[in-house]
């Protein structure tokens, strides 16, 4: 079944739908985040395709792919993908000064905020202090 048949089955009036006329000085249509997420969900639904989704919602495929990229980067939801980097190898210390009583090295937290700010915290930091810093940077 091609896209044309699917459009006719799902949305019979898709071909006869009148174009949307935007009045006023603004010539661009504004999509809310909720609308964008709904359209993105429709585009990945079983039996759907990019061209079908774009025709049904009156957008270009470039716009849909831009929204997909924004979703992957966290621009639409505020969440960004997290990756855990492996710890760098520790070099053995020379001499008898190395004992088992040395404190274990503290972890490192690195946060890349959507604003482009990178924050790296090492050592033992309280949750309250870290929360204050993140709120101040966002």
Protein backbone atom coordinates (compact mmCIF):
# COMPACT_ATOMS: atom_id res chain seq x y z
CA UNK A 1 0.00 0.00 0.00
CA UNK A 2 1.55 3.29 -1.03
CA UNK A 3 1.42 6.55 0.91
CA UNK A 4 -1.40 7.94 -1.22
CA UNK A 5 -3.69 5.02 -0.35
CA UNK A 6 -2.81 5.29 3.33
CA UNK A 7 -3.57 9.02 3.33
CA UNK A 8 -6.95 8.38 1.72
CA UNK A 9 -7.74 5.63 4.24
CA UNK A 10 -6.57 7.52 7.33
CA UNK A 11 -7.46 11.06 6.33
CA UNK A 12 -9.90 11.08 3.41
CA UNK A 13 -10.03 14.86 3.20
CA UNK A 14 -6.23 15.32 3.13
CA UNK A 15 -6.17 16.23 -0.55
CA UNK A 16 -9.07 18.63 -0.36
CA UNK A 17 -7.96 20.37 2.81
CA UNK A 18 -7.76 24.11 2.32
CA UNK A 19 -4.37 25.66 2.95
CA UNK A 20 -3.96 27.44 6.26
CA UNK A 21 -3.90 31.22 5.90
CA UNK A 22 -1.87 33.10 8.48
CA UNK A 23 -3.01 36.63 9.06
CA UNK A 24 -1.05 39.45 10.58
CA UNK A 25 2.61 40.37 10.29
CA UNK A 26 3.80 36.89 11.34
CA UNK A 27 4.05 34.64 8.28
CA UNK A 28 5.36 31.59 10.11
CA UNK A 29 3.34 29.01 11.94
CA UNK A 30 4.32 28.50 15.57
CA UNK A 31 4.26 24.94 16.89
CA UNK A 32 4.03 24.30 20.61
CA UNK A 33 6.36 21.75 22.17
CA UNK A 34 3.38 19.46 22.76
CA UNK A 35 2.38 19.61 19.09
CA UNK A 36 5.94 18.89 17.99
CA UNK A 37 6.18 15.87 20.31
CA UNK A 38 2.80 14.57 19.11
CA UNK A 39 3.87 14.86 15.46
CA UNK A 40 7.21 13.19 16.23
CA UNK A 41 5.40 10.31 17.94
CA UNK A 42 3.13 9.96 14.91
CA UNK A 43 6.15 9.85 12.58
CA UNK A 44 7.62 6.80 14.33
CA UNK A 45 4.33 4.94 14.83
CA UNK A 46 4.02 1.54 13.13
CA UNK A 47 2.76 1.91 9.58
CA UNK A 48 3.64 5.58 9.36
CA UNK A 49 6.31 7.26 7.29
CA UNK A 50 7.97 10.65 7.16
CA UNK A 51 6.18 11.67 3.98
CA UNK A 52 2.79 10.56 5.30
CA UNK A 53 3.30 12.42 8.59
CA UNK A 54 4.45 15.57 6.80
CA UNK A 55 1.47 15.58 4.44
CA UNK A 56 -1.02 14.99 7.23
CA UNK A 57 0.34 17.86 9.33
CA UNK A 58 1.30 20.26 6.55
CA UNK A 59 5.03 20.43 7.31
CA UNK A 60 8.14 19.73 5.28
CA UNK A 61 10.35 16.71 5.85
CA UNK A 62 13.22 19.08 6.71
CA UNK A 63 11.15 20.52 9.55
CA UNK A 64 10.39 17.05 10.89
CA UNK A 65 14.05 16.03 10.79
CA UNK A 66 15.01 19.29 12.54
CA UNK A 67 12.54 18.49 15.32
CA UNK A 68 13.95 14.94 15.58
CA UNK A 69 17.45 16.37 15.99
CA UNK A 70 16.22 18.85 18.62
CA UNK A 71 14.55 15.98 20.46
CA UNK A 72 17.75 13.89 20.45
CA UNK A 73 19.75 16.86 21.77
CA UNK A 74 17.21 17.59 24.50
CA UNK A 75 16.09 20.96 23.16
CA UNK A 76 12.40 19.96 23.12
CA UNK A 77 12.24 18.17 26.46
CA UNK A 78 15.00 19.78 28.50
CA UNK A 79 16.65 16.38 28.98
CA UNK A 80 19.92 15.53 27.28
CA UNK A 81 21.50 12.13 26.71
CA UNK A 82 23.91 11.04 29.42
CA UNK A 83 27.03 9.02 28.80
CA UNK A 84 29.42 7.60 31.36
CA UNK A 85 33.05 7.96 30.41
CA UNK A 86 35.51 5.32 31.57
CA UNK A 87 37.82 6.34 34.36
CA UNK A 88 41.35 7.10 33.14
CA UNK A 89 43.92 4.46 34.13
CA UNK A 90 45.83 5.20 37.31
CA UNK A 91 49.58 5.26 37.08
CA UNK A 92 51.38 3.24 39.76
CA UNK A 93 53.15 5.49 42.24
CA UNK A 94 56.87 5.03 42.65
CA UNK A 95 58.47 4.03 45.94
CA UNK A 96 57.26 2.60 49.19
CA UNK A 97 55.11 5.67 49.95
CA UNK A 98 52.10 3.99 48.33
CA UNK A 99 50.14 2.24 51.03
CA UNK A 100 46.66 0.85 51.24
CA UNK A 101 45.71 3.61 53.69
CA UNK A 102 45.45 6.16 50.85
CA UNK A 103 41.92 7.39 50.35
CA UNK A 104 40.23 6.20 47.20
CA UNK A 105 40.08 8.89 44.51
CA UNK A 106 36.78 10.71 44.37
CA UNK A 107 34.62 10.55 41.28
CA UNK A 108 34.16 13.25 38.71
CA UNK A 109 30.82 14.63 37.56
CA UNK A 110 30.70 16.47 34.26
CA UNK A 111 27.48 18.18 33.18
CA UNK A 112 26.92 19.74 29.74
CA UNK A 113 23.97 22.13 30.01
CA UNK A 114 21.81 22.96 26.97
CA UNK A 115 23.02 26.57 27.25
CA UNK A 116 26.51 25.41 26.25
CA UNK A 117 27.99 25.64 29.75
CA UNK A 118 30.12 22.65 30.82
CA UNK A 119 30.46 22.01 34.53
CA UNK A 120 33.03 19.61 35.96
CA UNK A 121 32.96 18.73 39.65
CA UNK A 122 35.56 16.51 41.25
CA UNK A 123 36.03 15.50 44.83
CA UNK A 124 33.48 15.17 47.57
CA UNK A 125 30.71 17.74 46.98
CA UNK A 126 27.49 17.90 48.94
CA UNK A 127 24.23 17.46 47.08
CA UNK A 128 22.95 20.82 48.33
CA UNK A 129 25.97 22.70 46.97
CA UNK A 130 25.79 20.94 43.60
CA UNK A 131 22.07 21.69 43.33
CA UNK A 132 22.73 25.40 44.01
CA UNK A 133 25.38 25.56 41.30
CA UNK A 134 23.13 23.83 38.73
CA UNK A 135 20.21 26.13 39.50
CA UNK A 136 22.47 29.18 39.15
CA UNK A 137 23.76 28.00 35.75
CA UNK A 138 20.46 26.97 34.20
